[in-house]
Structures are given as C-alpha cells and as structure tokens.
Amino acid sequence: MYSSIMKFLWCCFLTIVFLGGIVSLTYASPITLDGKFADWDGQACMNDRAYDSNPSGDILKFYWATNDNESNLYFMIERRGWG
C-alpha cells in the first residue's frame, strides 16, 4: 500500500515538474544571479501554505529553472520570516 502511494505521488510530482518546465520555457526570462528576483516571475514553482511553520522557516514558494543552452539547474526558496 505504502509503495503504491509513493509511486503515485512520485508520478504526480514528475508530471508537475514536466508541465512546469514547459510553461517556464514559454513565458519565463533567463535566470541571472544578480540579486534581483524579477527573473523568477513565470518560472515553475510549488506553493506552500503560509503560517504552517515557525516564522523564520516558513517556506512560501519553491522555484526551479534552467536557462537555454546551460547545464545548470537553479533553485530559489521564497520564505516568510526573519533571519
């Protein structure tokens, strides 16, 4: 039973990542490591409910992206809180 549930969740996750990658290739701008976060707009992300953790570790969104003709995979975590 546990194995079946994990396989189902893994397939759902891969589907979301695949579809998110298609959307990000269509609408998103390239990621630049410049301290500005506007280039993450339109990138694939997973939302997390706010206020479900202590303030310093409450994750709001988890982004991932690649740039064309690069082998790097970029990540960004948007969080609420201090520190």
PDB file of N, CA and C in Angstrom:
ATOM      1  N   MET A   1       0.824  -1.191   0.000  1.00  0.00           N
ATOM      2  CA  MET A   1       0.000   0.000   0.000  1.00  0.00           C
ATOM      3  C   MET A   1       0.869   1.256   0.000  1.00  0.00           C
ATOM      4  N   TYR A   2       1.841   1.315   0.923  1.00  0.00           N
ATOM      5  CA  TYR A   2       2.740   2.461   1.009  1.00  0.00           C
ATOM      6  C   TYR A   2       3.498   2.646  -0.304  1.00  0.00           C
ATOM      7  N   SER A   3       3.942   1.559  -0.895  1.00  0.00           N
ATOM      8  CA  SER A   3       4.677   1.612  -2.156  1.00  0.00           C
ATOM      9  C   SER A   3       3.818   2.192  -3.272  1.00  0.00           C
ATOM     10  N   SER A   4       2.566   1.798  -3.335  1.00  0.00           N
ATOM     11  CA  SER A   4       1.659   2.308  -4.365  1.00  0.00           C
ATOM     12  C   SER A   4       1.417   3.799  -4.198  1.00  0.00           C
ATOM     13  N   ILE A   5       1.251   4.231  -2.967  1.00  0.00           N
ATOM     14  CA  ILE A   5       1.027   5.654  -2.712  1.00  0.00           C
ATOM     15  C   ILE A   5       2.262   6.458  -3.089  1.00  0.00           C
ATOM     16  N   MET A   6       3.438   5.972  -2.732  1.00  0.00           N
ATOM     17  CA  MET A   6       4.672   6.681  -3.068  1.00  0.00           C
ATOM     18  C   MET A   6       4.884   6.751  -4.576  1.00  0.00           C
ATOM     19  N   LYS A   7       4.576   5.684  -5.293  1.00  0.00           N
ATOM     20  CA  LYS A   7       4.693   5.705  -6.755  1.00  0.00           C
ATOM     21  C   LYS A   7       3.739   6.728  -7.349  1.00  0.00           C
ATOM     22  N   PHE A   8       2.519   6.769  -6.837  1.00  0.00           N
ATOM     23  CA  PHE A   8       1.530   7.728  -7.327  1.00  0.00           C
ATOM     24  C   PHE A   8       1.998   9.162  -7.069  1.00  0.00           C
ATOM     25  N   LEU A   9       2.475   9.443  -5.855  1.00  0.00           N
ATOM     26  CA  LEU A   9       2.949  10.784  -5.533  1.00  0.00           C
ATOM     27  C   LEU A   9       4.155  11.167  -6.379  1.00  0.00           C
ATOM     28  N   TRP A  10       5.051  10.225  -6.598  1.00  0.00           N
ATOM     29  CA  TRP A  10       6.232  10.485  -7.421  1.00  0.00           C
ATOM     30  C   TRP A  10       5.814  10.803  -8.858  1.00  0.00           C
ATOM     31  N   CYS A  11       4.866  10.073  -9.403  1.00  0.00           N
ATOM     32  CA  CYS A  11       4.368  10.346 -10.759  1.00  0.00           C
ATOM     33  C   CYS A  11       3.711  11.718 -10.828  1.00  0.00           C
ATOM     34  N   CYS A  12       2.949  12.079  -9.806  1.00  0.00           N
ATOM     35  CA  CYS A  12       2.324  13.406  -9.765  1.00  0.00           C
ATOM     36  C   CYS A  12       3.387  14.499  -9.735  1.00  0.00           C
ATOM     37  N   PHE A  13       4.417  14.309  -8.915  1.00  0.00           N
ATOM     38  CA  PHE A  13       5.487  15.292  -8.828  1.00  0.00           C
ATOM     39  C   PHE A  13       6.199  15.449 -10.172  1.00  0.00           C
ATOM     40  N   LEU A  14       6.536  14.355 -10.820  1.00  0.00           N
ATOM     41  CA  LEU A  14       7.215  14.433 -12.116  1.00  0.00           C
ATOM     42  C   LEU A  14       6.338  15.100 -13.167  1.00  0.00           C
ATOM     43  N   THR A  15       5.040  14.834 -13.129  1.00  0.00           N
ATOM     44  CA  THR A  15       4.119  15.476 -14.064  1.00  0.00           C
ATOM     45  C   THR A  15       4.105  16.981 -13.840  1.00  0.00           C
ATOM     46  N   ILE A  16       4.050  17.406 -12.589  1.00  0.00           N
ATOM     47  CA  ILE A  16       4.056  18.838 -12.282  1.00  0.00           C
ATOM     48  C   ILE A  16       5.362  19.478 -12.740  1.00  0.00           C
ATOM     49  N   VAL A  17       6.478  18.818 -12.476  1.00  0.00           N
ATOM     50  CA  VAL A  17       7.774  19.352 -12.896  1.00  0.00           C
ATOM     51  C   VAL A  17       7.844  19.444 -14.411  1.00  0.00           C
ATOM     52  N   PHE A  18       7.401  18.413 -15.121  1.00  0.00           N
ATOM     53  CA  PHE A  18       7.435  18.415 -16.576  1.00  0.00           C
ATOM     54  C   PHE A  18       6.558  19.520 -17.141  1.00  0.00           C
ATOM     55  N   LEU A  19       5.327  19.615 -16.678  1.00  0.00           N
ATOM     56  CA  LEU A  19       4.426  20.654 -17.179  1.00  0.00           C
ATOM     57  C   LEU A  19       4.910  22.042 -16.792  1.00  0.00           C
ATOM     58  N   GLY A  20       5.449  22.176 -15.602  1.00  0.00           N
ATOM     59  CA  GLY A  20       6.006  23.454 -15.184  1.00  0.00           C
ATOM     60  C   GLY A  20       7.190  23.853 -16.038  1.00  0.00           C
ATOM     61  N   GLY A  21       8.001  22.887 -16.446  1.00  0.00           N
ATOM     62  CA  GLY A  21       9.129  23.168 -17.325  1.00  0.00           C
ATOM     63  C   GLY A  21       8.691  23.664 -18.680  1.00  0.00           C
ATOM     64  N   ILE A  22       7.609  23.114 -19.208  1.00  0.00           N
ATOM     65  CA  ILE A  22       7.082  23.579 -20.490  1.00  0.00           C
ATOM     66  C   ILE A  22       6.607  25.016 -20.370  1.00  0.00           C
ATOM     67  N   VAL A  23       5.884  25.323 -19.305  1.00  0.00           N
ATOM     68  CA  VAL A  23       5.398  26.685 -19.090  1.00  0.00           C
ATOM     69  C   VAL A  23       6.562  27.640 -18.916  1.00  0.00           C
ATOM     70  N   SER A  24       7.574  27.249 -18.154  1.00  0.00           N
ATOM     71  CA  SER A  24       8.695  28.148 -17.911  1.00  0.00           C
ATOM     72  C   SER A  24       9.489  28.407 -19.186  1.00  0.00           C
ATOM     73  N   LEU A  25       9.578  27.429 -20.072  1.00  0.00           N
ATOM     74  CA  LEU A  25      10.273  27.655 -21.336  1.00  0.00           C
ATOM     75  C   LEU A  25       9.524  28.641 -22.208  1.00  0.00           C
ATOM     76  N   THR A  26       8.224  28.687 -22.073  1.00  0.00           N
ATOM     77  CA  THR A  26       7.405  29.546 -22.910  1.00  0.00           C
ATOM     78  C   THR A  26       7.352  30.982 -22.403  1.00  0.00           C
ATOM     79  N   TYR A  27       7.203  31.196 -21.110  1.00  0.00           N
ATOM     80  CA  TYR A  27       6.891  32.519 -20.588  1.00  0.00           C
ATOM     81  C   TYR A  27       7.988  33.168 -19.751  1.00  0.00           C
ATOM     82  N   ALA A  28       8.963  32.444 -19.286  1.00  0.00           N
ATOM     83  CA  ALA A  28       9.912  32.975 -18.312  1.00  0.00           C
ATOM     84  C   ALA A  28      11.166  33.529 -18.975  1.00  0.00           C
ATOM     85  N   SER A  29      11.763  34.512 -18.305  1.00  0.00           N
ATOM     86  CA  SER A  29      13.028  35.065 -18.777  1.00  0.00           C
ATOM     87  C   SER A  29      14.180  34.265 -18.173  1.00  0.00           C
ATOM     88  N   PRO A  30      15.386  34.382 -18.730  1.00  0.00           N
ATOM     89  CA  PRO A  30      16.532  33.640 -18.190  1.00  0.00           C
ATOM     90  C   PRO A  30      16.864  34.070 -16.759  1.00  0.00           C
ATOM     91  N   ILE A  31      17.391  33.149 -15.984  1.00  0.00           N
ATOM     92  CA  ILE A  31      17.798  33.425 -14.608  1.00  0.00           C
ATOM     93  C   ILE A  31      19.186  34.058 -14.628  1.00  0.00           C
ATOM     94  N   THR A  32      19.318  35.185 -13.928  1.00  0.00           N
ATOM     95  CA  THR A  32      20.593  35.879 -13.794  1.00  0.00           C
ATOM     96  C   THR A  32      20.897  36.026 -12.311  1.00  0.00           C
ATOM     97  N   LEU A  33      22.092  35.648 -11.906  1.00  0.00           N
ATOM     98  CA  LEU A  33      22.481  35.763 -10.497  1.00  0.00           C
ATOM     99  C   LEU A  33      22.985  37.180 -10.240  1.00  0.00           C
ATOM    100  N   ASP A  34      22.032  38.088 -10.006  1.00  0.00           N
ATOM    101  CA  ASP A  34      22.352  39.497  -9.828  1.00  0.00           C
ATOM    102  C   ASP A  34      21.730  40.095  -8.569  1.00  0.00           C
ATOM    103  N   GLY A  35      21.091  39.285  -7.749  1.00  0.00           N
ATOM    104  CA  GLY A  35      20.458  39.788  -6.539  1.00  0.00           C
ATOM    105  C   GLY A  35      19.061  40.333  -6.747  1.00  0.00           C
ATOM    106  N   LYS A  36      18.608  40.377  -7.991  1.00  0.00           N
ATOM    107  CA  LYS A  36      17.249  40.825  -8.304  1.00  0.00           C
ATOM    108  C   LYS A  36      16.418  39.582  -8.608  1.00  0.00           C
ATOM    109  N   PHE A  37      15.201  39.555  -8.128  1.00  0.00           N
ATOM    110  CA  PHE A  37      14.409  38.337  -8.210  1.00  0.00           C
ATOM    111  C   PHE A  37      13.285  38.396  -9.239  1.00  0.00           C
ATOM    112  N   ALA A  38      13.207  39.455 -10.026  1.00  0.00           N
ATOM    113  CA  ALA A  38      12.136  39.579 -11.016  1.00  0.00           C
ATOM    114  C   ALA A  38      12.240  38.520 -12.109  1.00  0.00           C
ATOM    115  N   ASP A  39      13.433  37.991 -12.365  1.00  0.00           N
ATOM    116  CA  ASP A  39      13.574  36.978 -13.412  1.00  0.00           C
ATOM    117  C   ASP A  39      12.963  35.641 -13.013  1.00  0.00           C
ATOM    118  N   TRP A  40      12.551  35.495 -11.767  1.00  0.00           N
ATOM    119  CA  TRP A  40      11.873  34.272 -11.336  1.00  0.00           C
ATOM    120  C   TRP A  40      10.382  34.310 -11.655  1.00  0.00           C
ATOM    121  N   ASP A  41       9.846  35.484 -12.018  1.00  0.00           N
ATOM    122  CA  ASP A  41       8.431  35.571 -12.394  1.00  0.00           C
ATOM    123  C   ASP A  41       8.176  34.691 -13.609  1.00  0.00           C
ATOM    124  N   GLY A  42       7.165  33.862 -13.537  1.00  0.00           N
ATOM    125  CA  GLY A  42       6.826  32.977 -14.644  1.00  0.00           C
ATOM    126  C   GLY A  42       7.540  31.635 -14.617  1.00  0.00           C
ATOM    127  N   GLN A  43       8.476  31.448 -13.681  1.00  0.00           N
ATOM    128  CA  GLN A  43       9.176  30.165 -13.577  1.00  0.00           C
ATOM    129  C   GLN A  43       8.296  29.147 -12.854  1.00  0.00           C
ATOM    130  N   ALA A  44       8.577  27.900 -13.078  1.00  0.00           N
ATOM    131  CA  ALA A  44       7.837  26.831 -12.404  1.00  0.00           C
ATOM    132  C   ALA A  44       8.065  26.927 -10.901  1.00  0.00           C
ATOM    133  N   CYS A  45       7.000  26.731 -10.130  1.00  0.00           N
ATOM    134  CA  CYS A  45       7.143  26.782  -8.676  1.00  0.00           C
ATOM    135  C   CYS A  45       6.076  25.925  -8.010  1.00  0.00           C
ATOM    136  N   MET A  46       6.349  25.599  -6.770  1.00  0.00           N
ATOM    137  CA  MET A  46       5.375  24.902  -5.930  1.00  0.00           C
ATOM    138  C   MET A  46       5.051  25.822  -4.765  1.00  0.00           C
ATOM    139  N   ASN A  47       3.767  26.053  -4.513  1.00  0.00           N
ATOM    140  CA  ASN A  47       3.328  26.901  -3.407  1.00  0.00           C
ATOM    141  C   ASN A  47       3.216  26.087  -2.132  1.00  0.00           C
ATOM    142  N   ASP A  48       3.481  26.750  -1.032  1.00  0.00           N
ATOM    143  CA  ASP A  48       3.300  26.148   0.285  1.00  0.00           C
ATOM    144  C   ASP A  48       2.446  27.108   1.102  1.00  0.00           C
ATOM    145  N   ARG A  49       1.596  26.570   1.918  1.00  0.00           N
ATOM    146  CA  ARG A  49       0.688  27.379   2.716  1.00  0.00           C
ATOM    147  C   ARG A  49       1.469  28.244   3.701  1.00  0.00           C
ATOM    148  N   ALA A  50       1.119  29.516   3.799  1.00  0.00           N
ATOM    149  CA  ALA A  50       1.764  30.428   4.743  1.00  0.00           C
ATOM    150  C   ALA A  50       1.325  30.107   6.163  1.00  0.00           C
ATOM    151  N   TYR A  51       2.184  30.431   7.099  1.00  0.00           N
ATOM    152  CA  TYR A  51       1.918  30.288   8.536  1.00  0.00           C
ATOM    153  C   TYR A  51       1.742  28.833   8.973  1.00  0.00           C
ATOM    154  N   ASP A  52       2.366  27.898   8.264  1.00  0.00           N
ATOM    155  CA  ASP A  52       2.299  26.498   8.686  1.00  0.00           C
ATOM    156  C   ASP A  52       3.584  26.046   9.384  1.00  0.00           C
ATOM    157  N   SER A  53       4.475  27.000   9.649  1.00  0.00           N
ATOM    158  CA  SER A  53       5.740  26.702  10.311  1.00  0.00           C
ATOM    159  C   SER A  53       6.121  27.912  11.156  1.00  0.00           C
ATOM    160  N   ASN A  54       7.212  27.793  11.915  1.00  0.00           N
ATOM    161  CA  ASN A  54       7.638  28.974  12.669  1.00  0.00           C
ATOM    162  C   ASN A  54       8.097  30.050  11.695  1.00  0.00           C
ATOM    163  N   PRO A  55       8.020  31.324  12.075  1.00  0.00           N
ATOM    164  CA  PRO A  55       8.254  32.415  11.123  1.00  0.00           C
ATOM    165  C   PRO A  55       9.595  32.380  10.407  1.00  0.00           C
ATOM    166  N   SER A  56      10.661  31.941  11.051  1.00  0.00           N
ATOM    167  CA  SER A  56      11.964  32.000  10.394  1.00  0.00           C
ATOM    168  C   SER A  56      12.164  30.899   9.363  1.00  0.00           C
ATOM    169  N   GLY A  57      11.311  29.903   9.336  1.00  0.00           N
ATOM    170  CA  GLY A  57      11.484  28.811   8.389  1.00  0.00           C
ATOM    171  C   GLY A  57      10.258  28.515   7.562  1.00  0.00           C
ATOM    172  N   ASP A  58       9.335  29.462   7.484  1.00  0.00           N
ATOM    173  CA  ASP A  58       8.086  29.237   6.762  1.00  0.00           C
ATOM    174  C   ASP A  58       8.303  29.444   5.267  1.00  0.00           C
ATOM    175  N   ILE A  59       8.331  28.366   4.505  1.00  0.00           N
ATOM    176  CA  ILE A  59       8.518  28.430   3.056  1.00  0.00           C
ATOM    177  C   ILE A  59       7.191  28.773   2.398  1.00  0.00           C
ATOM    178  N   LEU A  60       7.217  29.754   1.487  1.00  0.00           N
ATOM    179  CA  LEU A  60       6.019  30.144   0.748  1.00  0.00           C
ATOM    180  C   LEU A  60       6.002  29.541  -0.651  1.00  0.00           C
ATOM    181  N   LYS A  61       7.154  29.591  -1.347  1.00  0.00           N
ATOM    182  CA  LYS A  61       7.254  29.041  -2.703  1.00  0.00           C
ATOM    183  C   LYS A  61       8.636  28.437  -2.907  1.00  0.00           C
ATOM    184  N   PHE A  62       8.681  27.389  -3.711  1.00  0.00           N
ATOM    185  CA  PHE A  62       9.930  26.750  -4.108  1.00  0.00           C
ATOM    186  C   PHE A  62       9.986  26.796  -5.629  1.00  0.00           C
ATOM    187  N   TYR A  63      10.958  27.513  -6.176  1.00  0.00           N
ATOM    188  CA  TYR A  63      11.115  27.680  -7.621  1.00  0.00           C
ATOM    189  C   TYR A  63      12.276  26.832  -8.125  1.00  0.00           C
ATOM    190  N   TRP A  64      12.216  26.422  -9.395  1.00  0.00           N
ATOM    191  CA  TRP A  64      13.340  25.772 -10.061  1.00  0.00           C
ATOM    192  C   TRP A  64      13.323  26.214 -11.516  1.00  0.00           C
ATOM    193  N   ALA A  65      14.501  26.277 -12.130  1.00  0.00           N
ATOM    194  CA  ALA A  65      14.587  26.746 -13.516  1.00  0.00           C
ATOM    195  C   ALA A  65      15.926  26.362 -14.127  1.00  0.00           C
ATOM    196  N   THR A  66      15.940  26.334 -15.437  1.00  0.00           N
ATOM    197  CA  THR A  66      17.170  26.203 -16.208  1.00  0.00           C
ATOM    198  C   THR A  66      17.163  27.278 -17.279  1.00  0.00           C
ATOM    199  N   ASN A  67      18.326  27.651 -17.753  1.00  0.00           N
ATOM    200  CA  ASN A  67      18.441  28.562 -18.883  1.00  0.00           C
ATOM    201  C   ASN A  67      18.736  27.750 -20.131  1.00  0.00           C
ATOM    202  N   ASP A  68      18.316  28.256 -21.273  1.00  0.00           N
ATOM    203  CA  ASP A  68      18.605  27.579 -22.537  1.00  0.00           C
ATOM    204  C   ASP A  68      20.115  27.431 -22.717  1.00  0.00           C
ATOM    205  N   ASN A  69      20.527  26.304 -23.255  1.00  0.00           N
ATOM    206  CA  ASN A  69      21.926  26.011 -23.575  1.00  0.00           C
ATOM    207  C   ASN A  69      22.849  26.046 -22.355  1.00  0.00           C
ATOM    208  N   GLU A  70      22.317  25.767 -21.173  1.00  0.00           N
ATOM    209  CA  GLU A  70      23.119  25.664 -19.954  1.00  0.00           C
ATOM    210  C   GLU A  70      22.807  24.341 -19.279  1.00  0.00           C
ATOM    211  N   SER A  71      23.762  23.835 -18.526  1.00  0.00           N
ATOM    212  CA  SER A  71      23.526  22.590 -17.796  1.00  0.00           C
ATOM    213  C   SER A  71      23.220  22.841 -16.319  1.00  0.00           C
ATOM    214  N   ASN A  72      23.142  24.103 -15.907  1.00  0.00           N
ATOM    215  CA  ASN A  72      22.861  24.435 -14.508  1.00  0.00           C
ATOM    216  C   ASN A  72      21.368  24.345 -14.215  1.00  0.00           C
ATOM    217  N   LEU A  73      21.055  23.914 -13.007  1.00  0.00           N
ATOM    218  CA  LEU A  73      19.689  23.923 -12.502  1.00  0.00           C
ATOM    219  C   LEU A  73      19.666  24.901 -11.340  1.00  0.00           C
ATOM    220  N   TYR A  74      18.796  25.921 -11.427  1.00  0.00           N
ATOM    221  CA  TYR A  74      18.721  26.964 -10.414  1.00  0.00           C
ATOM    222  C   TYR A  74      17.516  26.733  -9.507  1.00  0.00           C
ATOM    223  N   PHE A  75      17.667  27.083  -8.235  1.00  0.00           N
ATOM    224  CA  PHE A  75      16.594  26.976  -7.253  1.00  0.00           C
ATOM    225  C   PHE A  75      16.458  28.301  -6.522  1.00  0.00           C
ATOM    226  N   MET A  76      15.234  28.622  -6.109  1.00  0.00           N
ATOM    227  CA  MET A  76      15.002  29.758  -5.223  1.00  0.00           C
ATOM    228  C   MET A  76      13.893  29.373  -4.253  1.00  0.00           C
ATOM    229  N   ILE A  77      14.084  29.705  -2.998  1.00  0.00           N
ATOM    230  CA  ILE A  77      13.061  29.470  -1.983  1.00  0.00           C
ATOM    231  C   ILE A  77      12.596  30.823  -1.473  1.00  0.00           C
ATOM    232  N   GLU A  78      11.307  31.077  -1.620  1.00  0.00           N
ATOM    233  CA  GLU A  78      10.711  32.295  -1.070  1.00  0.00           C
ATOM    234  C   GLU A  78      10.148  31.935   0.300  1.00  0.00           C
ATOM    235  N   ARG A  79      10.553  32.686   1.300  1.00  0.00           N
ATOM    236  CA  ARG A  79      10.096  32.347   2.645  1.00  0.00           C
ATOM    237  C   ARG A  79       9.612  33.587   3.372  1.00  0.00           C
ATOM    238  N   ARG A  80       8.857  33.356   4.408  1.00  0.00           N
ATOM    239  CA  ARG A  80       8.337  34.412   5.263  1.00  0.00           C
ATOM    240  C   ARG A  80       9.118  34.353   6.557  1.00  0.00           C
ATOM    241  N   GLY A  81       9.455  35.484   7.100  1.00  0.00           N
ATOM    242  CA  GLY A  81      10.094  35.454   8.403  1.00  0.00           C
ATOM    243  C   GLY A  81      11.333  36.306   8.480  1.00  0.00           C
ATOM    244  N   TRP A  82      12.083  36.060   9.518  1.00  0.00           N
ATOM    245  CA  TRP A  82      13.243  36.874   9.825  1.00  0.00           C
ATOM    246  C   TRP A  82      14.474  35.990   9.919  1.00  0.00           C
ATOM    247  N   GLY A  83      15.623  36.608   9.702  1.00  0.00           N
ATOM    248  CA  GLY A  83      16.882  35.911   9.938  1.00  0.00           C
ATOM    249  C   GLY A  83      17.416  35.112   8.835  1.00  0.00           C
TER     250      GLY A  83
END
